[in-house]
Amino acid sequence: LKGDNRAEYGAEVIVRLAQELKAAYGDGFTKTN
């Protein structure tokens, strides 16, 4: 996020990262987590 507080940008990054981590490591890496 590099300190970027824009909600829209952060939400996109978190959703994408959650999908990648869940695929690699399982369900413990939801966007909420």
PDB file of all heavy atoms in Angstrom:
ATOM      1  N   LEU A   1       0.817  -1.213   0.000  1.00  0.00           N
ATOM      2  CA  LEU A   1       0.000   0.000   0.000  1.00  0.00           C
ATOM      3  C   LEU A   1       0.851   1.262   0.000  1.00  0.00           C
ATOM      4  O   LEU A   1       0.389   2.313  -0.403  1.00  0.00           O
ATOM      5  CB  LEU A   1      -0.944   0.004   1.202  1.00  0.00           C
ATOM      6  CG  LEU A   1      -1.964  -1.131   1.253  1.00  0.00           C
ATOM      7  CD1 LEU A   1      -2.813  -1.015   2.504  1.00  0.00           C
ATOM      8  CD2 LEU A   1      -2.831  -1.143   0.011  1.00  0.00           C
ATOM      9  N   LYS A   2       2.078   1.147   0.476  1.00  0.00           N
ATOM     10  CA  LYS A   2       3.023   2.274   0.528  1.00  0.00           C
ATOM     11  C   LYS A   2       2.408   3.503   1.170  1.00  0.00           C
ATOM     12  O   LYS A   2       2.592   4.616   0.724  1.00  0.00           O
ATOM     13  CB  LYS A   2       3.539   2.584  -0.868  1.00  0.00           C
ATOM     14  CG  LYS A   2       4.324   1.447  -1.458  1.00  0.00           C
ATOM     15  CD  LYS A   2       4.875   1.781  -2.801  1.00  0.00           C
ATOM     16  CE  LYS A   2       5.787   0.668  -3.212  1.00  0.00           C
ATOM     17  NZ  LYS A   2       5.586   0.028  -4.425  1.00  0.00           N
ATOM     18  N   GLY A   3       1.639   3.242   2.233  1.00  0.00           N
ATOM     19  CA  GLY A   3       1.040   4.350   2.964  1.00  0.00           C
ATOM     20  C   GLY A   3      -0.124   5.000   2.247  1.00  0.00           C
ATOM     21  O   GLY A   3      -0.662   5.995   2.703  1.00  0.00           O
ATOM     22  N   ASP A   4      -0.513   4.437   1.101  1.00  0.00           N
ATOM     23  CA  ASP A   4      -1.618   5.000   0.329  1.00  0.00           C
ATOM     24  C   ASP A   4      -2.924   4.689   1.047  1.00  0.00           C
ATOM     25  O   ASP A   4      -3.287   3.541   1.235  1.00  0.00           O
ATOM     26  CB  ASP A   4      -1.630   4.388  -1.070  1.00  0.00           C
ATOM     27  CG  ASP A   4      -2.530   5.141  -2.024  1.00  0.00           C
ATOM     28  OD1 ASP A   4      -3.480   5.789  -1.551  1.00  0.00           O
ATOM     29  OD2 ASP A   4      -2.272   5.087  -3.237  1.00  0.00           O
ATOM     30  N   ASN A   5      -3.633   5.720   1.425  1.00  0.00           N
ATOM     31  CA  ASN A   5      -4.867   5.529   2.189  1.00  0.00           C
ATOM     32  C   ASN A   5      -6.122   5.560   1.324  1.00  0.00           C
ATOM     33  O   ASN A   5      -7.218   5.597   1.852  1.00  0.00           O
ATOM     34  CB  ASN A   5      -4.969   6.599   3.286  1.00  0.00           C
ATOM     35  CG  ASN A   5      -3.963   6.351   4.384  1.00  0.00           C
ATOM     36  OD1 ASN A   5      -3.638   5.215   4.685  1.00  0.00           O
ATOM     37  ND2 ASN A   5      -3.457   7.426   4.957  1.00  0.00           N
ATOM     38  N   ARG A   6      -5.950   5.577   0.011  1.00  0.00           N
ATOM     39  CA  ARG A   6      -7.138   5.586  -0.844  1.00  0.00           C
ATOM     40  C   ARG A   6      -7.866   4.262  -0.698  1.00  0.00           C
ATOM     41  O   ARG A   6      -7.328   3.200  -0.996  1.00  0.00           O
ATOM     42  CB  ARG A   6      -6.751   5.818  -2.305  1.00  0.00           C
ATOM     43  CG  ARG A   6      -6.231   7.213  -2.552  1.00  0.00           C
ATOM     44  CD  ARG A   6      -5.851   7.408  -3.992  1.00  0.00           C
ATOM     45  NE  ARG A   6      -4.720   6.529  -4.308  1.00  0.00           N
ATOM     46  CZ  ARG A   6      -4.508   5.994  -5.495  1.00  0.00           C
ATOM     47  NH1 ARG A   6      -5.329   6.212  -6.485  1.00  0.00           N
ATOM     48  NH2 ARG A   6      -3.457   5.228  -5.700  1.00  0.00           N
ATOM     49  N   ALA A   7      -9.086   4.312  -0.249  1.00  0.00           N
ATOM     50  CA  ALA A   7      -9.868   3.104   0.032  1.00  0.00           C
ATOM     51  C   ALA A   7     -10.010   2.221  -1.201  1.00  0.00           C
ATOM     52  O   ALA A   7      -9.890   1.002  -1.126  1.00  0.00           O
ATOM     53  CB  ALA A   7     -11.236   3.490   0.571  1.00  0.00           C
ATOM     54  N   GLU A   8     -10.252   2.829  -2.336  1.00  0.00           N
ATOM     55  CA  GLU A   8     -10.461   2.064  -3.569  1.00  0.00           C
ATOM     56  C   GLU A   8      -9.210   1.265  -3.943  1.00  0.00           C
ATOM     57  O   GLU A   8      -9.286   0.075  -4.229  1.00  0.00           O
ATOM     58  CB  GLU A   8     -10.803   3.056  -4.694  1.00  0.00           C
ATOM     59  CG  GLU A   8     -11.576   2.480  -5.837  1.00  0.00           C
ATOM     60  CD  GLU A   8     -11.983   3.595  -6.783  1.00  0.00           C
ATOM     61  OE1 GLU A   8     -12.877   4.394  -6.426  1.00  0.00           O
ATOM     62  OE2 GLU A   8     -11.382   3.655  -7.864  1.00  0.00           O
ATOM     63  N   TYR A   9      -8.068   1.920  -3.934  1.00  0.00           N
ATOM     64  CA  TYR A   9      -6.808   1.259  -4.276  1.00  0.00           C
ATOM     65  C   TYR A   9      -6.505   0.142  -3.278  1.00  0.00           C
ATOM     66  O   TYR A   9      -6.180  -0.974  -3.665  1.00  0.00           O
ATOM     67  CB  TYR A   9      -5.668   2.284  -4.287  1.00  0.00           C
ATOM     68  CG  TYR A   9      -4.306   1.655  -4.447  1.00  0.00           C
ATOM     69  CD1 TYR A   9      -3.891   1.190  -5.687  1.00  0.00           C
ATOM     70  CD2 TYR A   9      -3.446   1.525  -3.367  1.00  0.00           C
ATOM     71  CE1 TYR A   9      -2.647   0.607  -5.846  1.00  0.00           C
ATOM     72  CE2 TYR A   9      -2.200   0.941  -3.519  1.00  0.00           C
ATOM     73  CZ  TYR A   9      -1.807   0.486  -4.755  1.00  0.00           C
ATOM     74  OH  TYR A   9      -0.574  -0.093  -4.899  1.00  0.00           O
ATOM     75  N   GLY A  10      -6.651   0.437  -2.001  1.00  0.00           N
ATOM     76  CA  GLY A  10      -6.373  -0.550  -0.961  1.00  0.00           C
ATOM     77  C   GLY A  10      -7.270  -1.763  -1.074  1.00  0.00           C
ATOM     78  O   GLY A  10      -6.821  -2.905  -0.927  1.00  0.00           O
ATOM     79  N   ALA A  11      -8.540  -1.538  -1.374  1.00  0.00           N
ATOM     80  CA  ALA A  11      -9.487  -2.645  -1.493  1.00  0.00           C
ATOM     81  C   ALA A  11      -9.102  -3.565  -2.641  1.00  0.00           C
ATOM     82  O   ALA A  11      -9.142  -4.788  -2.505  1.00  0.00           O
ATOM     83  CB  ALA A  11     -10.897  -2.110  -1.678  1.00  0.00           C
ATOM     84  N   GLU A  12      -8.699  -2.997  -3.770  1.00  0.00           N
ATOM     85  CA  GLU A  12      -8.294  -3.807  -4.917  1.00  0.00           C
ATOM     86  C   GLU A  12      -7.062  -4.653  -4.587  1.00  0.00           C
ATOM     87  O   GLU A  12      -7.007  -5.838  -4.923  1.00  0.00           O
ATOM     88  CB  GLU A  12      -7.981  -2.915  -6.117  1.00  0.00           C
ATOM     89  CG  GLU A  12      -9.180  -2.253  -6.732  1.00  0.00           C
ATOM     90  CD  GLU A  12      -8.796  -1.285  -7.825  1.00  0.00           C
ATOM     91  OE1 GLU A  12      -7.680  -1.406  -8.391  1.00  0.00           O
ATOM     92  OE2 GLU A  12      -9.598  -0.392  -8.126  1.00  0.00           O
ATOM     93  N   VAL A  13      -6.099  -4.030  -3.957  1.00  0.00           N
ATOM     94  CA  VAL A  13      -4.861  -4.731  -3.610  1.00  0.00           C
ATOM     95  C   VAL A  13      -5.144  -5.862  -2.629  1.00  0.00           C
ATOM     96  O   VAL A  13      -4.663  -6.989  -2.809  1.00  0.00           O
ATOM     97  CB  VAL A  13      -3.823  -3.749  -3.015  1.00  0.00           C
ATOM     98  CG1 VAL A  13      -2.647  -4.490  -2.412  1.00  0.00           C
ATOM     99  CG2 VAL A  13      -3.356  -2.776  -4.077  1.00  0.00           C
ATOM    100  N   ILE A  14      -5.929  -5.591  -1.611  1.00  0.00           N
ATOM    101  CA  ILE A  14      -6.228  -6.594  -0.589  1.00  0.00           C
ATOM    102  C   ILE A  14      -7.001  -7.763  -1.190  1.00  0.00           C
ATOM    103  O   ILE A  14      -6.706  -8.923  -0.900  1.00  0.00           O
ATOM    104  CB  ILE A  14      -7.005  -5.969   0.598  1.00  0.00           C
ATOM    105  CG1 ILE A  14      -6.142  -4.932   1.318  1.00  0.00           C
ATOM    106  CG2 ILE A  14      -7.504  -7.037   1.554  1.00  0.00           C
ATOM    107  CD1 ILE A  14      -4.958  -5.472   2.068  1.00  0.00           C
ATOM    108  N   VAL A  15      -7.973  -7.496  -2.029  1.00  0.00           N
ATOM    109  CA  VAL A  15      -8.760  -8.565  -2.650  1.00  0.00           C
ATOM    110  C   VAL A  15      -7.857  -9.454  -3.497  1.00  0.00           C
ATOM    111  O   VAL A  15      -7.907 -10.689  -3.403  1.00  0.00           O
ATOM    112  CB  VAL A  15      -9.926  -7.987  -3.494  1.00  0.00           C
ATOM    113  CG1 VAL A  15     -10.547  -9.054  -4.386  1.00  0.00           C
ATOM    114  CG2 VAL A  15     -10.974  -7.387  -2.585  1.00  0.00           C
ATOM    115  N   ARG A  16      -7.021  -8.854  -4.314  1.00  0.00           N
ATOM    116  CA  ARG A  16      -6.118  -9.621  -5.182  1.00  0.00           C
ATOM    117  C   ARG A  16      -5.124 -10.435  -4.358  1.00  0.00           C
ATOM    118  O   ARG A  16      -4.899 -11.622  -4.617  1.00  0.00           O
ATOM    119  CB  ARG A  16      -5.401  -8.686  -6.153  1.00  0.00           C
ATOM    120  CG  ARG A  16      -4.648  -9.412  -7.243  1.00  0.00           C
ATOM    121  CD  ARG A  16      -4.094  -8.487  -8.318  1.00  0.00           C
ATOM    122  NE  ARG A  16      -3.181  -7.490  -7.782  1.00  0.00           N
ATOM    123  CZ  ARG A  16      -3.454  -6.174  -7.704  1.00  0.00           C
ATOM    124  NH1 ARG A  16      -4.607  -5.698  -8.115  1.00  0.00           N
ATOM    125  NH2 ARG A  16      -2.570  -5.331  -7.201  1.00  0.00           N
ATOM    126  N   LEU A  17      -4.547  -9.815  -3.341  1.00  0.00           N
ATOM    127  CA  LEU A  17      -3.588 -10.507  -2.490  1.00  0.00           C
ATOM    128  C   LEU A  17      -4.250 -11.655  -1.736  1.00  0.00           C
ATOM    129  O   LEU A  17      -3.683 -12.748  -1.630  1.00  0.00           O
ATOM    130  CB  LEU A  17      -2.944  -9.528  -1.507  1.00  0.00           C
ATOM    131  CG  LEU A  17      -1.879 -10.093  -0.586  1.00  0.00           C
ATOM    132  CD1 LEU A  17      -0.719 -10.676  -1.380  1.00  0.00           C
ATOM    133  CD2 LEU A  17      -1.384  -9.001   0.357  1.00  0.00           C
ATOM    134  N   ALA A  18      -5.473 -11.449  -1.242  1.00  0.00           N
ATOM    135  CA  ALA A  18      -6.194 -12.503  -0.532  1.00  0.00           C
ATOM    136  C   ALA A  18      -6.426 -13.700  -1.449  1.00  0.00           C
ATOM    137  O   ALA A  18      -6.248 -14.853  -1.039  1.00  0.00           O
ATOM    138  CB  ALA A  18      -7.522 -11.969   0.009  1.00  0.00           C
ATOM    139  N   GLN A  19      -6.791 -13.441  -2.691  1.00  0.00           N
ATOM    140  CA  GLN A  19      -7.015 -14.536  -3.636  1.00  0.00           C
ATOM    141  C   GLN A  19      -5.730 -15.327  -3.863  1.00  0.00           C
ATOM    142  O   GLN A  19      -5.742 -16.558  -3.882  1.00  0.00           O
ATOM    143  CB  GLN A  19      -7.539 -13.987  -4.962  1.00  0.00           C
ATOM    144  CG  GLN A  19      -8.942 -13.447  -4.871  1.00  0.00           C
ATOM    145  CD  GLN A  19      -9.362 -12.677  -6.117  1.00  0.00           C
ATOM    146  OE1 GLN A  19      -8.535 -12.297  -6.948  1.00  0.00           O
ATOM    147  NE2 GLN A  19     -10.665 -12.438  -6.237  1.00  0.00           N
ATOM    148  N   GLU A  20      -4.619 -14.620  -4.035  1.00  0.00           N
ATOM    149  CA  GLU A  20      -3.335 -15.288  -4.280  1.00  0.00           C
ATOM    150  C   GLU A  20      -2.885 -16.094  -3.061  1.00  0.00           C
ATOM    151  O   GLU A  20      -2.438 -17.233  -3.196  1.00  0.00           O
ATOM    152  CB  GLU A  20      -2.273 -14.256  -4.657  1.00  0.00           C
ATOM    153  CG  GLU A  20      -2.503 -13.613  -6.002  1.00  0.00           C
ATOM    154  CD  GLU A  20      -1.537 -12.472  -6.286  1.00  0.00           C
ATOM    155  OE1 GLU A  20      -0.530 -12.318  -5.552  1.00  0.00           O
ATOM    156  OE2 GLU A  20      -1.785 -11.721  -7.245  1.00  0.00           O
ATOM    157  N   LEU A  21      -2.997 -15.507  -1.874  1.00  0.00           N
ATOM    158  CA  LEU A  21      -2.567 -16.209  -0.663  1.00  0.00           C
ATOM    159  C   LEU A  21      -3.469 -17.399  -0.349  1.00  0.00           C
ATOM    160  O   LEU A  21      -2.979 -18.453   0.069  1.00  0.00           O
ATOM    161  CB  LEU A  21      -2.520 -15.241   0.526  1.00  0.00           C
ATOM    162  CG  LEU A  21      -1.390 -14.219   0.494  1.00  0.00           C
ATOM    163  CD1 LEU A  21      -1.563 -13.199   1.614  1.00  0.00           C
ATOM    164  CD2 LEU A  21      -0.042 -14.894   0.583  1.00  0.00           C
ATOM    165  N   LYS A  22      -4.771 -17.241  -0.546  1.00  0.00           N
ATOM    166  CA  LYS A  22      -5.689 -18.356  -0.304  1.00  0.00           C
ATOM    167  C   LYS A  22      -5.391 -19.508  -1.257  1.00  0.00           C
ATOM    168  O   LYS A  22      -5.427 -20.674  -0.851  1.00  0.00           O
ATOM    169  CB  LYS A  22      -7.137 -17.905  -0.451  1.00  0.00           C
ATOM    170  CG  LYS A  22      -7.666 -17.177   0.769  1.00  0.00           C
ATOM    171  CD  LYS A  22      -9.047 -16.590   0.563  1.00  0.00           C
ATOM    172  CE  LYS A  22     -10.073 -17.611   0.246  1.00  0.00           C
ATOM    173  NZ  LYS A  22     -11.443 -17.062   0.149  1.00  0.00           N
ATOM    174  N   ALA A  23      -5.085 -19.199  -2.500  1.00  0.00           N
ATOM    175  CA  ALA A  23      -4.767 -20.252  -3.468  1.00  0.00           C
ATOM    176  C   ALA A  23      -3.491 -20.985  -3.065  1.00  0.00           C
ATOM    177  O   ALA A  23      -3.390 -22.202  -3.218  1.00  0.00           O
ATOM    178  CB  ALA A  23      -4.617 -19.649  -4.870  1.00  0.00           C
ATOM    179  N   ALA A  24      -2.532 -20.257  -2.529  1.00  0.00           N
ATOM    180  CA  ALA A  24      -1.240 -20.861  -2.175  1.00  0.00           C
ATOM    181  C   ALA A  24      -1.230 -21.500  -0.787  1.00  0.00           C
ATOM    182  O   ALA A  24      -0.577 -22.524  -0.587  1.00  0.00           O
ATOM    183  CB  ALA A  24      -0.142 -19.808  -2.261  1.00  0.00           C
ATOM    184  N   TYR A  25      -1.955 -20.891   0.183  1.00  0.00           N
ATOM    185  CA  TYR A  25      -1.802 -21.307   1.580  1.00  0.00           C
ATOM    186  C   TYR A  25      -3.095 -21.695   2.291  1.00  0.00           C
ATOM    187  O   TYR A  25      -3.046 -22.100   3.446  1.00  0.00           O
ATOM    188  CB  TYR A  25      -1.104 -20.206   2.382  1.00  0.00           C
ATOM    189  CG  TYR A  25       0.260 -19.884   1.849  1.00  0.00           C
ATOM    190  CD1 TYR A  25       0.495 -18.709   1.146  1.00  0.00           C
ATOM    191  CD2 TYR A  25       1.317 -20.759   2.037  1.00  0.00           C
ATOM    192  CE1 TYR A  25       1.749 -18.414   0.648  1.00  0.00           C
ATOM    193  CE2 TYR A  25       2.572 -20.471   1.533  1.00  0.00           C
ATOM    194  CZ  TYR A  25       2.777 -19.298   0.838  1.00  0.00           C
ATOM    195  OH  TYR A  25       4.024 -19.020   0.349  1.00  0.00           O
ATOM    196  N   GLY A  26      -4.235 -21.521   1.671  1.00  0.00           N
ATOM    197  CA  GLY A  26      -5.475 -21.934   2.316  1.00  0.00           C
ATOM    198  C   GLY A  26      -6.347 -20.782   2.783  1.00  0.00           C
ATOM    199  O   GLY A  26      -6.046 -19.613   2.560  1.00  0.00           O
ATOM    200  N   ASP A  27      -7.421 -21.157   3.467  1.00  0.00           N
ATOM    201  CA  ASP A  27      -8.487 -20.217   3.805  1.00  0.00           C
ATOM    202  C   ASP A  27      -8.157 -19.190   4.885  1.00  0.00           C
ATOM    203  O   ASP A  27      -8.950 -18.298   5.132  1.00  0.00           O
ATOM    204  CB  ASP A  27      -9.735 -20.990   4.236  1.00  0.00           C
ATOM    205  CG  ASP A  27     -10.367 -21.735   3.069  1.00  0.00           C
ATOM    206  OD1 ASP A  27     -10.185 -21.295   1.919  1.00  0.00           O
ATOM    207  OD2 ASP A  27     -11.031 -22.752   3.318  1.00  0.00           O
ATOM    208  N   GLY A  28      -7.034 -19.265   5.543  1.00  0.00           N
ATOM    209  CA  GLY A  28      -6.712 -18.334   6.615  1.00  0.00           C
ATOM    210  C   GLY A  28      -6.342 -16.942   6.141  1.00  0.00           C
ATOM    211  O   GLY A  28      -6.092 -16.053   6.948  1.00  0.00           O
ATOM    212  N   PHE A  29      -6.321 -16.728   4.828  1.00  0.00           N
ATOM    213  CA  PHE A  29      -5.862 -15.461   4.283  1.00  0.00           C
ATOM    214  C   PHE A  29      -6.965 -14.734   3.527  1.00  0.00           C
ATOM    215  O   PHE A  29      -6.789 -14.304   2.396  1.00  0.00           O
ATOM    216  CB  PHE A  29      -4.628 -15.687   3.401  1.00  0.00           C
ATOM    217  CG  PHE A  29      -3.481 -16.253   4.167  1.00  0.00           C
ATOM    218  CD1 PHE A  29      -3.236 -17.611   4.171  1.00  0.00           C
ATOM    219  CD2 PHE A  29      -2.672 -15.432   4.925  1.00  0.00           C
ATOM    220  CE1 PHE A  29      -2.192 -18.145   4.897  1.00  0.00           C
ATOM    221  CE2 PHE A  29      -1.629 -15.952   5.660  1.00  0.00           C
ATOM    222  CZ  PHE A  29      -1.385 -17.308   5.651  1.00  0.00           C
ATOM    223  N   THR A  30      -8.094 -14.572   4.195  1.00  0.00           N
ATOM    224  CA  THR A  30      -9.208 -13.840   3.598  1.00  0.00           C
ATOM    225  C   THR A  30      -8.888 -12.352   3.576  1.00  0.00           C
ATOM    226  O   THR A  30      -7.983 -11.882   4.276  1.00  0.00           O
ATOM    227  CB  THR A  30     -10.495 -14.064   4.417  1.00  0.00           C
ATOM    228  OG1 THR A  30     -10.284 -13.514   5.734  1.00  0.00           O
ATOM    229  CG2 THR A  30     -10.857 -15.538   4.505  1.00  0.00           C
ATOM    230  N   LYS A  31      -9.666 -11.604   2.810  1.00  0.00           N
ATOM    231  CA  LYS A  31      -9.429 -10.151   2.787  1.00  0.00           C
ATOM    232  C   LYS A  31      -9.672  -9.550   4.168  1.00  0.00           C
ATOM    233  O   LYS A  31      -8.956  -8.635   4.573  1.00  0.00           O
ATOM    234  CB  LYS A  31     -10.251  -9.461   1.707  1.00  0.00           C
ATOM    235  CG  LYS A  31     -11.728  -9.431   1.938  1.00  0.00           C
ATOM    236  CD  LYS A  31     -12.445  -8.690   0.829  1.00  0.00           C
ATOM    237  CE  LYS A  31     -13.922  -8.622   1.185  1.00  0.00           C
ATOM    238  NZ  LYS A  31     -14.677  -7.804   0.277  1.00  0.00           N
ATOM    239  N   THR A  32     -10.648 -10.095   4.913  1.00  0.00           N
ATOM    240  CA  THR A  32     -10.895  -9.613   6.272  1.00  0.00           C
ATOM    241  C   THR A  32      -9.668  -9.826   7.148  1.00  0.00           C
ATOM    242  O   THR A  32      -9.260  -8.926   7.889  1.00  0.00           O
ATOM    243  CB  THR A  32     -12.115 -10.327   6.889  1.00  0.00           C
ATOM    244  OG1 THR A  32     -13.256 -10.061   6.075  1.00  0.00           O
ATOM    245  CG2 THR A  32     -12.376  -9.863   8.304  1.00  0.00           C
ATOM    246  N   ASN A  33      -9.063 -11.005   7.058  1.00  0.00           N
ATOM    247  CA  ASN A  33      -7.866 -11.270   7.846  1.00  0.00           C
ATOM    248  C   ASN A  33      -6.720 -10.359   7.431  1.00  0.00           C
ATOM    249  O   ASN A  33      -5.974  -9.871   8.285  1.00  0.00           O
ATOM    250  CB  ASN A  33      -7.459 -12.734   7.738  1.00  0.00           C
ATOM    251  CG  ASN A  33      -8.325 -13.640   8.574  1.00  0.00           C
ATOM    252  OD1 ASN A  33      -9.099 -13.187   9.407  1.00  0.00           O
ATOM    253  ND2 ASN A  33      -8.206 -14.934   8.339  1.00  0.00           N
TER     254      ASN A  33
END
